[in-house]
């Protein structure tokens, strides 16, 4: 879902034995209804947790009994950005939207590169040639703070 227009960020977690994903999206670029329809078409929605009455109404209309809309449950958080966190690219400072898109494309690095700036792509190329474990992780770190930490680590490595 992270690759769809308007999706800004994703956050995964668990409800009981079921994996859940929270989507943050820009309603000016994509509607809740369109995203829900896509999730249903991809068969990746078994239950919905609408955030408000308007979303609950859309879910009832669009899902037409195929899934249940229930109040938002208590979610046990899963490591966010699973694929990215296991990649050398975890050291690249990214915005929330970038990390959501790149995480979804980790099996297609050439496509993932399209979401990075020239400076980020340059560091990705460097990571491919070096031991990535020496670089600090940027996941979960505010974007500018992650760049400062990376710049300091690069200076210290010279």
Protein backbone atom coordinates (compact mmCIF):
# COMPACT_ATOMS: atom_id res chain seq x y z
CA UNK A 1 0.00 0.00 0.00
CA UNK A 2 2.95 2.33 0.57
CA UNK A 3 3.43 2.73 -3.18
CA UNK A 4 0.00 4.19 -3.86
CA UNK A 5 -0.31 7.91 -4.59
CA UNK A 6 -0.97 9.98 -1.52
CA UNK A 7 0.32 7.42 1.00
CA UNK A 8 2.68 9.34 3.24
CA UNK A 9 3.67 6.69 5.77
CA UNK A 10 2.86 3.22 6.96
CA UNK A 11 3.14 1.67 10.40
CA UNK A 12 2.85 -2.05 10.93
CA UNK A 13 1.91 -3.95 14.05
CA UNK A 14 -0.03 -6.92 15.37
CA UNK A 15 -3.51 -7.45 16.75
CA UNK A 16 -3.52 -10.93 18.21
CA UNK A 17 -2.11 -13.13 15.44
CA UNK A 18 -3.08 -10.72 12.64
CA UNK A 19 -0.68 -8.27 11.06
CA UNK A 20 -2.13 -4.78 10.70
CA UNK A 21 -0.95 -1.72 8.83
CA UNK A 22 -1.89 1.85 9.58
CA UNK A 23 -1.82 4.16 6.57
CA UNK A 24 -1.23 7.88 6.77
CA UNK A 25 -2.37 9.44 3.52
CA UNK A 26 -3.02 12.80 1.93
CA UNK A 27 -6.73 12.91 1.06
CA UNK A 28 -5.99 15.53 -1.62
CA UNK A 29 -4.02 12.90 -3.56
CA UNK A 30 -6.02 9.77 -2.84
CA UNK A 31 -9.26 9.06 -1.04
CA UNK A 32 -9.97 6.63 1.75
CA UNK A 33 -12.47 4.96 -0.58
CA UNK A 34 -9.91 4.42 -3.36
CA UNK A 35 -7.28 3.10 -0.93
CA UNK A 36 -9.83 0.78 0.66
CA UNK A 37 -10.95 -0.47 -2.76
CA UNK A 38 -7.31 -1.16 -3.68
CA UNK A 39 -6.70 -3.04 -0.41
CA UNK A 40 -9.81 -5.13 -1.04
CA UNK A 41 -8.75 -5.82 -4.62
CA UNK A 42 -5.30 -6.92 -3.44
CA UNK A 43 -6.97 -9.05 -0.75
CA UNK A 44 -4.91 -7.42 1.98
CA UNK A 45 -7.76 -6.17 4.14
CA UNK A 46 -9.51 -8.58 6.48
CA UNK A 47 -10.71 -6.03 8.98
CA UNK A 48 -10.85 -2.24 9.10
CA UNK A 49 -10.31 0.12 11.94
CA UNK A 50 -11.91 3.37 10.77
CA UNK A 51 -10.65 6.48 12.53
CA UNK A 52 -13.94 8.36 12.34
CA UNK A 53 -17.61 8.06 11.42
CA UNK A 54 -17.02 9.15 7.81
CA UNK A 55 -14.48 6.36 7.28
CA UNK A 56 -16.82 3.86 8.96
CA UNK A 57 -19.59 4.80 6.51
CA UNK A 58 -17.27 4.41 3.52
CA UNK A 59 -16.08 1.04 4.84
CA UNK A 60 -19.66 -0.23 5.22
CA UNK A 61 -20.55 0.90 1.69
CA UNK A 62 -17.40 -0.19 -0.14
CA UNK A 63 -16.69 -3.42 1.72
CA UNK A 64 -20.36 -4.52 1.48
CA UNK A 65 -20.08 -7.15 4.19
CA UNK A 66 -16.81 -8.62 2.92
CA UNK A 67 -14.87 -7.35 5.93
CA UNK A 68 -15.74 -6.08 9.34
CA UNK A 69 -15.26 -2.52 10.52
CA UNK A 70 -14.47 -2.51 14.21
CA UNK A 71 -13.22 0.07 16.72
CA UNK A 72 -9.46 0.58 16.64
CA UNK A 73 -7.87 -2.17 18.73
CA UNK A 74 -4.82 -2.13 20.91
CA UNK A 75 -1.92 -2.74 18.55
CA UNK A 76 1.35 -4.41 19.51
CA UNK A 77 3.87 -2.57 17.38
CA UNK A 78 6.03 -4.51 14.98
CA UNK A 79 9.37 -3.27 13.87
CA UNK A 80 8.43 -0.61 11.40
CA UNK A 81 10.05 -0.69 7.98
CA UNK A 82 10.96 -4.38 8.33
CA UNK A 83 12.79 -4.80 5.01
CA UNK A 84 14.58 -1.47 5.21
CA UNK A 85 15.74 -2.24 8.76
CA UNK A 86 17.51 -5.36 7.49
CA UNK A 87 19.23 -3.54 4.66
CA UNK A 88 22.36 -1.41 4.51
CA UNK A 89 20.02 1.40 3.44
CA UNK A 90 18.85 1.72 7.06
CA UNK A 91 21.74 4.19 7.40
CA UNK A 92 20.33 6.56 4.76
CA UNK A 93 18.40 9.45 6.32
CA UNK A 94 14.90 9.49 4.82
CA UNK A 95 11.63 11.23 5.43
CA UNK A 96 8.70 9.14 6.62
CA UNK A 97 7.22 9.03 3.14
CA UNK A 98 10.53 8.03 1.57
CA UNK A 99 11.15 5.24 4.06
CA UNK A 100 7.62 3.86 3.51
CA UNK A 101 8.09 3.84 -0.27
CA UNK A 102 11.65 2.47 -0.17
CA UNK A 103 10.71 -0.25 2.34
CA UNK A 104 7.99 -1.45 -0.06
CA UNK A 105 10.53 -1.55 -2.91
CA UNK A 106 13.49 -3.22 -1.20
CA UNK A 107 13.17 -6.19 -3.55
CA UNK A 108 13.58 -3.75 -6.49
CA UNK A 109 16.49 -1.45 -5.54
CA UNK A 110 16.59 0.33 -8.91
CA UNK A 111 12.97 1.42 -8.38
CA UNK A 112 13.64 2.31 -4.74
CA UNK A 113 16.47 4.62 -5.84
CA UNK A 114 13.92 6.79 -7.65
CA UNK A 115 12.55 7.90 -4.27
CA UNK A 116 15.95 9.14 -3.05
CA UNK A 117 17.61 12.50 -3.59
CA UNK A 118 20.97 12.67 -5.40
CA UNK A 119 22.79 12.89 -2.04
CA UNK A 120 20.89 9.88 -0.71
CA UNK A 121 21.59 7.91 -3.91
CA UNK A 122 25.28 8.75 -3.60
CA UNK A 123 25.37 7.38 -0.08
CA UNK A 124 23.43 4.26 -1.20
CA UNK A 125 26.17 3.64 -3.78
CA UNK A 126 28.80 4.05 -1.07
CA UNK A 127 26.95 1.62 1.19
CA UNK A 128 27.03 -0.98 -1.58
CA UNK A 129 30.84 -0.88 -1.52
CA UNK A 130 31.47 -0.70 2.24
CA UNK A 131 30.69 -2.47 5.48
CA UNK A 132 27.36 -0.86 6.29
CA UNK A 133 27.50 -1.90 9.94
CA UNK A 134 29.87 0.99 10.70
CA UNK A 135 27.19 3.57 9.87
CA UNK A 136 24.54 4.65 12.37
CA UNK A 137 20.97 3.64 11.61
CA UNK A 138 18.75 6.49 10.47
CA UNK A 139 15.46 4.63 10.98
CA UNK A 140 13.34 6.29 13.60
CA UNK A 141 15.65 9.30 13.75
CA UNK A 142 14.38 12.75 12.77
CA UNK A 143 15.56 13.50 9.22
CA UNK A 144 17.89 16.47 9.93
CA UNK A 145 19.35 14.80 13.03
CA UNK A 146 20.04 11.66 10.98
CA UNK A 147 21.91 13.72 8.35
CA UNK A 148 23.97 15.42 11.07
CA UNK A 149 24.87 12.02 12.59
CA UNK A 150 25.76 10.62 9.18
CA UNK A 151 27.89 13.65 8.29
CA UNK A 152 29.75 13.31 11.61
CA UNK A 153 30.29 9.57 11.02
CA UNK A 154 31.65 10.23 7.51
CA UNK A 155 34.02 12.91 8.84
CA UNK A 156 35.21 10.59 11.60
CA UNK A 157 35.89 7.81 9.09
CA UNK A 158 38.34 9.90 7.04
